[in-house]
Amino acid sequence: MAKISDLKSGTDDQLSSQLGELKREQFNLRFQAATNQLEKPSRVREVRRTIAQIKTLQTERSRSVAK
């Protein structure tokens, strides 16, 4: 799981690309869960939380720029 300090140090482009990768992984994990092939169920939670952290950072940054 990515630490919030690591995410904060990334640029907007890096966060966007990481978000895309995580969404793709989340999609694959959902399929694995549906077919009972999920090896690490805890990874679903990690990915979901990391996506939320990235989206929160993006919102904070966009609000600080808008001020």
Protein backbone atom coordinates (compact mmCIF):
# COMPACT_ATOMS: atom_id res chain seq x y z
CA MET A 1 0.00 0.00 0.00
CA ALA A 2 1.33 3.39 -0.92
CA LYS A 3 2.09 5.78 1.90
CA ILE A 4 0.38 9.15 1.78
CA SER A 5 3.74 10.94 1.95
CA ASP A 6 4.85 9.09 -1.20
CA LEU A 7 1.65 10.09 -2.95
CA LYS A 8 1.99 13.73 -1.90
CA SER A 9 5.49 13.94 -3.35
CA GLY A 10 4.27 12.82 -6.79
CA THR A 11 3.29 15.17 -9.57
CA ASP A 12 -0.25 15.46 -10.92
CA ASP A 13 0.67 13.40 -13.99
CA GLN A 14 2.18 10.65 -11.85
CA LEU A 15 -0.92 10.54 -9.67
CA SER A 16 -3.18 10.32 -12.74
CA SER A 17 -1.19 7.47 -14.25
CA GLN A 18 -1.06 5.63 -10.92
CA LEU A 19 -4.81 6.09 -10.55
CA GLY A 20 -5.36 4.53 -13.98
CA GLU A 21 -3.17 1.56 -13.09
CA LEU A 22 -4.99 1.05 -9.80
CA LYS A 23 -8.41 1.20 -11.45
CA ARG A 24 -7.27 -1.42 -13.95
CA GLU A 25 -6.01 -3.60 -11.09
CA GLN A 26 -9.28 -3.11 -9.22
CA PHE A 27 -11.19 -4.25 -12.31
CA ASN A 28 -9.05 -7.39 -12.55
CA LEU A 29 -9.43 -8.10 -8.84
CA ARG A 30 -13.23 -7.90 -9.15
CA PHE A 31 -13.15 -10.50 -11.90
CA GLN A 32 -10.87 -12.74 -9.84
CA ALA A 33 -13.22 -12.42 -6.88
CA ALA A 34 -16.24 -13.29 -9.02
CA THR A 35 -14.57 -16.46 -10.31
CA ASN A 36 -13.14 -17.43 -6.90
CA GLN A 37 -9.55 -17.09 -8.09
CA LEU A 38 -8.58 -14.30 -5.70
CA GLU A 39 -5.27 -15.14 -4.03
CA LYS A 40 -4.99 -12.11 -1.74
CA PRO A 41 -8.39 -10.75 -0.67
CA SER A 42 -6.78 -7.97 1.36
CA ARG A 43 -5.39 -6.45 -1.85
CA VAL A 44 -8.93 -5.36 -2.84
CA ARG A 45 -9.13 -3.18 0.24
CA GLU A 46 -5.62 -1.77 -0.26
CA VAL A 47 -6.34 -0.80 -3.85
CA ARG A 48 -9.66 0.80 -2.96
CA ARG A 49 -8.09 2.87 -0.19
CA THR A 50 -5.16 3.98 -2.33
CA ILE A 51 -7.57 5.10 -5.07
CA ALA A 52 -9.46 7.14 -2.47
CA GLN A 53 -6.24 8.71 -1.20
CA ILE A 54 -5.19 9.72 -4.71
CA LYS A 55 -8.60 11.21 -5.47
CA THR A 56 -8.50 13.14 -2.19
CA LEU A 57 -5.07 14.55 -3.02
CA GLN A 58 -6.22 15.55 -6.50
CA THR A 59 -9.23 17.36 -5.02
CA GLU A 60 -7.08 19.15 -2.44
CA ARG A 61 -4.65 20.27 -5.13
CA SER A 62 -7.38 21.50 -7.45
CA ARG A 63 -9.00 23.47 -4.61
CA SER A 64 -5.70 25.07 -3.60
CA VAL A 65 -5.06 26.16 -7.20
CA ALA A 66 -8.58 27.60 -7.52
CA LYS A 67 -8.10 29.93 -4.54
